Amino acid sequence: MSRYAQWITHKGQRILFVDYSGLVDEEPYLSAIAETEREVLKQPPGRVLPLLFDMTNTRASTAITDRAKRMTDAAKERGIPDSPTVIVGVSGFQRAVVQAMQFLRRDLHLAESIEAGKEWLVQQLQQG
């Protein structure tokens, strides 16, 4: 099991909880993304992969953003579709970026807490 990406169950639904909270230095953050990517790529093609990211007190750089995009691209190449995704703990500029992304991805949601994020994911999975 990854240090940063762990499977949890909420109301019978399996969710990949990704805990990046507190990551501000580039090297550990890049390592955390690599660990997450390994877990994501273990999933069979076509599987919906509900994700819950805790980004509380993080700081992203261009290298981190680029690495996260490569992880997303690798998942798509593997045949893993865009899936309901919740992000918790972003504010300021990070929040504005996520809000802009919501126009492109309706399955992307900002939540005020981990519990609220779990609830939103369960609702999305039950609807579709």
N, C-alpha and C. Protein backbone atom coordinates (compact mmCIF):
# COMPACT_ATOMS: atom_id res chain seq x y z
N MET A 1 0.85 -1.18 0.00
CA MET A 1 0.00 0.00 0.00
C MET A 1 0.89 1.24 0.00
N SER A 2 0.49 2.18 -0.75
CA SER A 2 1.22 3.44 -0.88
C SER A 2 1.07 4.28 0.39
N ARG A 3 2.07 5.06 0.65
CA ARG A 3 2.00 5.98 1.79
C ARG A 3 0.98 7.09 1.52
N TYR A 4 0.89 7.49 0.26
CA TYR A 4 0.06 8.64 -0.09
C TYR A 4 -1.30 8.28 -0.68
N ALA A 5 -1.42 7.12 -1.29
CA ALA A 5 -2.67 6.72 -1.95
C ALA A 5 -3.17 5.43 -1.30
N GLN A 6 -4.33 5.52 -0.67
CA GLN A 6 -4.89 4.37 0.03
C GLN A 6 -6.36 4.19 -0.32
N TRP A 7 -6.75 2.95 -0.49
CA TRP A 7 -8.16 2.65 -0.76
C TRP A 7 -8.94 2.70 0.54
N ILE A 8 -10.06 3.41 0.49
CA ILE A 8 -10.98 3.47 1.63
C ILE A 8 -12.35 3.07 1.11
N THR A 9 -13.22 2.71 2.03
CA THR A 9 -14.60 2.41 1.66
C THR A 9 -15.51 3.34 2.45
N HIS A 10 -16.44 3.95 1.73
CA HIS A 10 -17.41 4.84 2.37
C HIS A 10 -18.79 4.47 1.84
N LYS A 11 -19.65 4.05 2.74
CA LYS A 11 -21.01 3.64 2.39
C LYS A 11 -21.01 2.60 1.26
N GLY A 12 -20.08 1.68 1.38
CA GLY A 12 -19.99 0.58 0.43
C GLY A 12 -19.29 0.91 -0.87
N GLN A 13 -18.82 2.15 -1.04
CA GLN A 13 -18.15 2.56 -2.27
C GLN A 13 -16.63 2.63 -2.05
N ARG A 14 -15.90 2.09 -2.96
CA ARG A 14 -14.44 2.11 -2.91
C ARG A 14 -13.93 3.42 -3.50
N ILE A 15 -13.08 4.12 -2.74
CA ILE A 15 -12.55 5.43 -3.12
C ILE A 15 -11.04 5.40 -2.91
N LEU A 16 -10.29 5.97 -3.88
CA LEU A 16 -8.86 6.12 -3.69
C LEU A 16 -8.61 7.47 -3.02
N PHE A 17 -8.18 7.41 -1.75
CA PHE A 17 -7.89 8.61 -0.97
C PHE A 17 -6.41 8.93 -1.15
N VAL A 18 -6.15 10.12 -1.66
CA VAL A 18 -4.78 10.56 -1.93
C VAL A 18 -4.47 11.71 -0.98
N ASP A 19 -3.56 11.46 -0.06
CA ASP A 19 -3.25 12.43 0.99
C ASP A 19 -1.91 13.12 0.71
N TYR A 20 -2.00 14.28 0.07
CA TYR A 20 -0.81 15.08 -0.20
C TYR A 20 -0.66 16.20 0.83
N SER A 21 -1.49 16.20 1.85
CA SER A 21 -1.49 17.30 2.82
C SER A 21 -0.09 17.53 3.39
N GLY A 22 0.27 18.79 3.46
CA GLY A 22 1.55 19.19 4.04
C GLY A 22 2.73 19.11 3.10
N LEU A 23 2.54 18.67 1.88
CA LEU A 23 3.67 18.57 0.95
C LEU A 23 3.97 19.95 0.36
N VAL A 24 5.15 20.45 0.66
CA VAL A 24 5.56 21.74 0.13
C VAL A 24 6.89 21.65 -0.62
N ASP A 25 7.69 20.64 -0.31
CA ASP A 25 8.97 20.47 -1.00
C ASP A 25 8.77 19.62 -2.25
N GLU A 26 9.45 19.99 -3.30
CA GLU A 26 9.22 19.39 -4.60
C GLU A 26 9.51 17.89 -4.65
N GLU A 27 10.63 17.45 -4.14
CA GLU A 27 11.01 16.03 -4.27
C GLU A 27 10.02 15.08 -3.60
N PRO A 28 9.62 15.32 -2.34
CA PRO A 28 8.62 14.42 -1.75
C PRO A 28 7.29 14.47 -2.49
N TYR A 29 6.92 15.63 -2.98
CA TYR A 29 5.66 15.78 -3.71
C TYR A 29 5.72 14.96 -5.00
N LEU A 30 6.81 15.06 -5.73
CA LEU A 30 6.97 14.29 -6.96
C LEU A 30 6.94 12.80 -6.67
N SER A 31 7.55 12.39 -5.59
CA SER A 31 7.53 10.99 -5.17
C SER A 31 6.11 10.53 -4.86
N ALA A 32 5.36 11.40 -4.20
CA ALA A 32 3.97 11.08 -3.85
C ALA A 32 3.13 10.90 -5.12
N ILE A 33 3.34 11.74 -6.10
CA ILE A 33 2.59 11.61 -7.36
C ILE A 33 2.96 10.31 -8.05
N ALA A 34 4.24 9.95 -8.03
CA ALA A 34 4.67 8.68 -8.65
C ALA A 34 4.01 7.50 -7.95
N GLU A 35 3.92 7.53 -6.63
CA GLU A 35 3.24 6.46 -5.89
C GLU A 35 1.77 6.39 -6.28
N THR A 36 1.14 7.54 -6.39
CA THR A 36 -0.27 7.58 -6.77
C THR A 36 -0.46 7.01 -8.18
N GLU A 37 0.42 7.38 -9.07
CA GLU A 37 0.33 6.88 -10.44
C GLU A 37 0.44 5.36 -10.48
N ARG A 38 1.35 4.79 -9.71
CA ARG A 38 1.48 3.32 -9.67
C ARG A 38 0.17 2.67 -9.23
N GLU A 39 -0.49 3.24 -8.24
CA GLU A 39 -1.76 2.68 -7.76
C GLU A 39 -2.85 2.84 -8.81
N VAL A 40 -2.91 3.99 -9.44
CA VAL A 40 -3.92 4.24 -10.47
C VAL A 40 -3.74 3.27 -11.64
N LEU A 41 -2.51 3.08 -12.06
CA LEU A 41 -2.26 2.24 -13.23
C LEU A 41 -2.44 0.75 -12.96
N LYS A 42 -2.61 0.37 -11.72
CA LYS A 42 -2.93 -1.03 -11.38
C LYS A 42 -4.38 -1.37 -11.73
N GLN A 43 -5.20 -0.35 -11.92
CA GLN A 43 -6.63 -0.56 -12.14
C GLN A 43 -6.87 -1.02 -13.58
N PRO A 44 -7.86 -1.86 -13.77
CA PRO A 44 -8.15 -2.34 -15.12
C PRO A 44 -8.72 -1.23 -16.00
N PRO A 45 -8.43 -1.29 -17.30
CA PRO A 45 -8.99 -0.30 -18.22
C PRO A 45 -10.51 -0.26 -18.11
N GLY A 46 -11.05 0.95 -18.21
CA GLY A 46 -12.48 1.13 -18.17
C GLY A 46 -13.07 1.30 -16.79
N ARG A 47 -12.32 1.02 -15.76
CA ARG A 47 -12.86 1.13 -14.39
C ARG A 47 -12.95 2.58 -13.96
N VAL A 48 -14.10 2.94 -13.44
CA VAL A 48 -14.28 4.27 -12.84
C VAL A 48 -13.45 4.29 -11.56
N LEU A 49 -12.70 5.35 -11.39
CA LEU A 49 -11.76 5.43 -10.28
C LEU A 49 -12.05 6.69 -9.46
N PRO A 50 -12.99 6.61 -8.51
CA PRO A 50 -13.30 7.79 -7.69
C PRO A 50 -12.09 8.19 -6.85
N LEU A 51 -11.76 9.48 -6.92
CA LEU A 51 -10.57 9.99 -6.26
C LEU A 51 -10.92 11.10 -5.28
N LEU A 52 -10.26 11.07 -4.13
CA LEU A 52 -10.40 12.10 -3.11
C LEU A 52 -9.01 12.58 -2.74
N PHE A 53 -8.68 13.81 -3.13
CA PHE A 53 -7.36 14.39 -2.85
C PHE A 53 -7.44 15.35 -1.68
N ASP A 54 -6.55 15.18 -0.69
CA ASP A 54 -6.39 16.16 0.37
C ASP A 54 -5.15 16.98 0.05
N MET A 55 -5.37 18.23 -0.32
CA MET A 55 -4.28 19.12 -0.73
C MET A 55 -4.02 20.21 0.32
N THR A 56 -4.46 19.97 1.54
CA THR A 56 -4.32 20.95 2.61
C THR A 56 -2.85 21.28 2.84
N ASN A 57 -2.55 22.58 2.86
CA ASN A 57 -1.20 23.08 3.14
C ASN A 57 -0.15 22.52 2.18
N THR A 58 -0.48 22.49 0.90
CA THR A 58 0.49 22.07 -0.11
C THR A 58 0.93 23.29 -0.92
N ARG A 59 2.02 23.10 -1.62
CA ARG A 59 2.51 24.15 -2.51
C ARG A 59 3.01 23.47 -3.78
N ALA A 60 2.43 23.84 -4.90
CA ALA A 60 2.78 23.21 -6.17
C ALA A 60 3.75 24.07 -6.96
N SER A 61 4.61 23.41 -7.70
CA SER A 61 5.53 24.08 -8.62
C SER A 61 5.16 23.65 -10.04
N THR A 62 5.83 24.22 -11.00
CA THR A 62 5.60 23.82 -12.39
C THR A 62 5.94 22.34 -12.58
N ALA A 63 7.03 21.88 -11.97
CA ALA A 63 7.42 20.47 -12.08
C ALA A 63 6.34 19.56 -11.50
N ILE A 64 5.74 19.94 -10.40
CA ILE A 64 4.70 19.14 -9.77
C ILE A 64 3.46 19.12 -10.66
N THR A 65 3.07 20.27 -11.17
CA THR A 65 1.90 20.34 -12.05
C THR A 65 2.13 19.51 -13.31
N ASP A 66 3.31 19.61 -13.89
CA ASP A 66 3.63 18.83 -15.09
C ASP A 66 3.59 17.33 -14.80
N ARG A 67 4.11 16.94 -13.65
CA ARG A 67 4.13 15.51 -13.28
C ARG A 67 2.71 15.00 -13.06
N ALA A 68 1.86 15.80 -12.45
CA ALA A 68 0.47 15.40 -12.24
C ALA A 68 -0.24 15.24 -13.59
N LYS A 69 0.05 16.12 -14.53
CA LYS A 69 -0.55 16.00 -15.86
C LYS A 69 -0.08 14.72 -16.55
N ARG A 70 1.20 14.38 -16.40
CA ARG A 70 1.70 13.13 -16.99
C ARG A 70 1.01 11.91 -16.38
N MET A 71 0.71 11.98 -15.08
CA MET A 71 -0.02 10.89 -14.43
C MET A 71 -1.42 10.75 -15.04
N THR A 72 -2.09 11.87 -15.24
CA THR A 72 -3.42 11.86 -15.84
C THR A 72 -3.36 11.30 -17.26
N ASP A 73 -2.37 11.72 -18.02
CA ASP A 73 -2.21 11.22 -19.39
C ASP A 73 -1.95 9.71 -19.40
N ALA A 74 -1.13 9.23 -18.48
CA ALA A 74 -0.83 7.79 -18.40
C ALA A 74 -2.10 7.00 -18.08
N ALA A 75 -2.93 7.53 -17.20
CA ALA A 75 -4.18 6.85 -16.86
C ALA A 75 -5.09 6.77 -18.09
N LYS A 76 -5.18 7.86 -18.84
CA LYS A 76 -6.01 7.86 -20.05
C LYS A 76 -5.47 6.86 -21.08
N GLU A 77 -4.15 6.81 -21.24
CA GLU A 77 -3.54 5.86 -22.16
C GLU A 77 -3.83 4.42 -21.74
N ARG A 78 -3.94 4.19 -20.45
CA ARG A 78 -4.24 2.86 -19.91
C ARG A 78 -5.72 2.52 -20.08
N GLY A 79 -6.53 3.52 -20.46
CA GLY A 79 -7.95 3.28 -20.65
C GLY A 79 -8.79 3.55 -19.43
N ILE A 80 -8.22 4.26 -18.47
CA ILE A 80 -8.95 4.61 -17.25
C ILE A 80 -9.65 5.94 -17.52
N PRO A 81 -10.97 5.96 -17.48
CA PRO A 81 -11.70 7.18 -17.85
C PRO A 81 -11.62 8.26 -16.77
N ASP A 82 -11.92 9.50 -17.18
CA ASP A 82 -12.09 10.55 -16.17
C ASP A 82 -13.15 10.05 -15.20
N SER A 83 -12.91 10.22 -13.93
CA SER A 83 -13.80 9.70 -12.90
C SER A 83 -14.11 10.79 -11.90
N PRO A 84 -15.17 10.62 -11.11
CA PRO A 84 -15.48 11.63 -10.10
C PRO A 84 -14.27 11.88 -9.20
N THR A 85 -13.94 13.15 -9.07
CA THR A 85 -12.75 13.55 -8.32
C THR A 85 -13.09 14.70 -7.40
N VAL A 86 -12.66 14.58 -6.15
CA VAL A 86 -12.87 15.64 -5.16
C VAL A 86 -11.51 16.14 -4.70
N ILE A 87 -11.42 17.45 -4.55
CA ILE A 87 -10.21 18.07 -4.00
C ILE A 87 -10.61 18.84 -2.76
N VAL A 88 -9.88 18.59 -1.68
CA VAL A 88 -10.11 19.24 -0.39
C VAL A 88 -8.86 20.03 -0.03
N GLY A 89 -9.06 21.19 0.57
CA GLY A 89 -7.94 21.91 1.16
C GLY A 89 -7.23 22.91 0.27
N VAL A 90 -7.85 23.31 -0.83
CA VAL A 90 -7.21 24.32 -1.67
C VAL A 90 -7.85 25.68 -1.43
N SER A 91 -7.04 26.71 -1.56
CA SER A 91 -7.55 28.07 -1.40
C SER A 91 -6.76 28.98 -2.32
N GLY A 92 -7.19 30.21 -2.39
CA GLY A 92 -6.48 31.21 -3.18
C GLY A 92 -6.34 30.82 -4.64
N PHE A 93 -5.13 30.94 -5.16
CA PHE A 93 -4.86 30.68 -6.57
C PHE A 93 -5.16 29.23 -6.94
N GLN A 94 -4.79 28.27 -6.06
CA GLN A 94 -5.07 26.86 -6.35
C GLN A 94 -6.57 26.64 -6.53
N ARG A 95 -7.36 27.23 -5.67
CA ARG A 95 -8.81 27.08 -5.76
C ARG A 95 -9.34 27.67 -7.07
N ALA A 96 -8.82 28.81 -7.46
CA ALA A 96 -9.25 29.44 -8.72
C ALA A 96 -8.91 28.54 -9.92
N VAL A 97 -7.77 27.90 -9.89
CA VAL A 97 -7.38 26.99 -10.98
C VAL A 97 -8.35 25.81 -11.05
N VAL A 98 -8.65 25.22 -9.91
CA VAL A 98 -9.58 24.08 -9.89
C VAL A 98 -10.96 24.52 -10.36
N GLN A 99 -11.41 25.67 -9.92
CA GLN A 99 -12.72 26.16 -10.35
C GLN A 99 -12.76 26.36 -11.86
N ALA A 100 -11.68 26.83 -12.45
CA ALA A 100 -11.62 26.97 -13.90
C ALA A 100 -11.68 25.60 -14.58
N MET A 101 -11.04 24.61 -13.99
CA MET A 101 -11.04 23.26 -14.55
C MET A 101 -12.44 22.63 -14.51
N GLN A 102 -13.27 23.08 -13.58
CA GLN A 102 -14.61 22.52 -13.45
C GLN A 102 -15.46 22.78 -14.69
N PHE A 103 -15.12 23.79 -15.47
CA PHE A 103 -15.86 24.04 -16.71
C PHE A 103 -15.59 22.94 -17.73
N LEU A 104 -14.41 22.33 -17.65
CA LEU A 104 -14.05 21.26 -18.57
C LEU A 104 -14.43 19.89 -18.05
N ARG A 105 -14.44 19.75 -16.74
CA ARG A 105 -14.74 18.46 -16.11
C ARG A 105 -15.83 18.63 -15.08
N ARG A 106 -17.02 18.22 -15.42
CA ARG A 106 -18.16 18.34 -14.49
C ARG A 106 -18.05 17.36 -13.34
N ASP A 107 -17.15 16.37 -13.45
CA ASP A 107 -16.99 15.38 -12.39
C ASP A 107 -15.89 15.77 -11.41
N LEU A 108 -15.48 17.03 -11.45
CA LEU A 108 -14.47 17.56 -10.53
C LEU A 108 -15.18 18.45 -9.52
N HIS A 109 -14.89 18.23 -8.24
CA HIS A 109 -15.62 18.93 -7.18
C HIS A 109 -14.66 19.40 -6.10
N LEU A 110 -14.91 20.60 -5.60
CA LEU A 110 -14.19 21.11 -4.43
C LEU A 110 -15.06 20.87 -3.21
N ALA A 111 -14.48 20.32 -2.16
CA ALA A 111 -15.23 20.08 -0.92
C ALA A 111 -14.52 20.77 0.24
N GLU A 112 -15.31 21.11 1.24
CA GLU A 112 -14.77 21.79 2.41
C GLU A 112 -14.11 20.85 3.41
N SER A 113 -14.42 19.55 3.30
CA SER A 113 -13.84 18.58 4.23
C SER A 113 -13.74 17.22 3.55
N ILE A 114 -12.96 16.35 4.14
CA ILE A 114 -12.83 14.99 3.61
C ILE A 114 -14.17 14.27 3.68
N GLU A 115 -14.88 14.43 4.78
CA GLU A 115 -16.18 13.78 4.91
C GLU A 115 -17.17 14.26 3.85
N ALA A 116 -17.19 15.56 3.60
CA ALA A 116 -18.07 16.09 2.56
C ALA A 116 -17.66 15.56 1.19
N GLY A 117 -16.38 15.41 0.97
CA GLY A 117 -15.88 14.85 -0.28
C GLY A 117 -16.31 13.42 -0.48
N LYS A 118 -16.24 12.63 0.58
CA LYS A 118 -16.69 11.23 0.50
C LYS A 118 -18.17 11.17 0.15
N GLU A 119 -18.96 12.02 0.79
CA GLU A 119 -20.40 12.03 0.53
C GLU A 119 -20.70 12.38 -0.93
N TRP A 120 -20.00 13.39 -1.46
CA TRP A 120 -20.22 13.78 -2.85
C TRP A 120 -19.86 12.64 -3.79
N LEU A 121 -18.74 11.99 -3.53
CA LEU A 121 -18.32 10.87 -4.38
C LEU A 121 -19.35 9.75 -4.37
N VAL A 122 -19.84 9.40 -3.20
CA VAL A 122 -20.85 8.33 -3.10
C VAL A 122 -22.09 8.72 -3.90
N GLN A 123 -22.53 9.97 -3.80
CA GLN A 123 -23.69 10.43 -4.57
C GLN A 123 -23.44 10.28 -6.07
N GLN A 124 -22.26 10.66 -6.51
CA GLN A 124 -21.92 10.56 -7.94
C GLN A 124 -21.91 9.12 -8.41
N LEU A 125 -21.36 8.24 -7.60
CA LEU A 125 -21.28 6.82 -7.97
C LEU A 125 -22.66 6.18 -8.00
N GLN A 126 -23.53 6.59 -7.11
CA GLN A 126 -24.87 6.04 -7.08
C GLN A 126 -25.73 6.54 -8.23
N GLN A 127 -25.43 7.73 -8.73
CA GLN A 127 -26.18 8.30 -9.85
C GLN A 127 -25.76 7.70 -11.19
N GLY A 128 -24.53 7.25 -11.25
CA GLY A 128 -24.12 6.89 -12.58
C GLY A 128 -23.33 5.70 -12.75
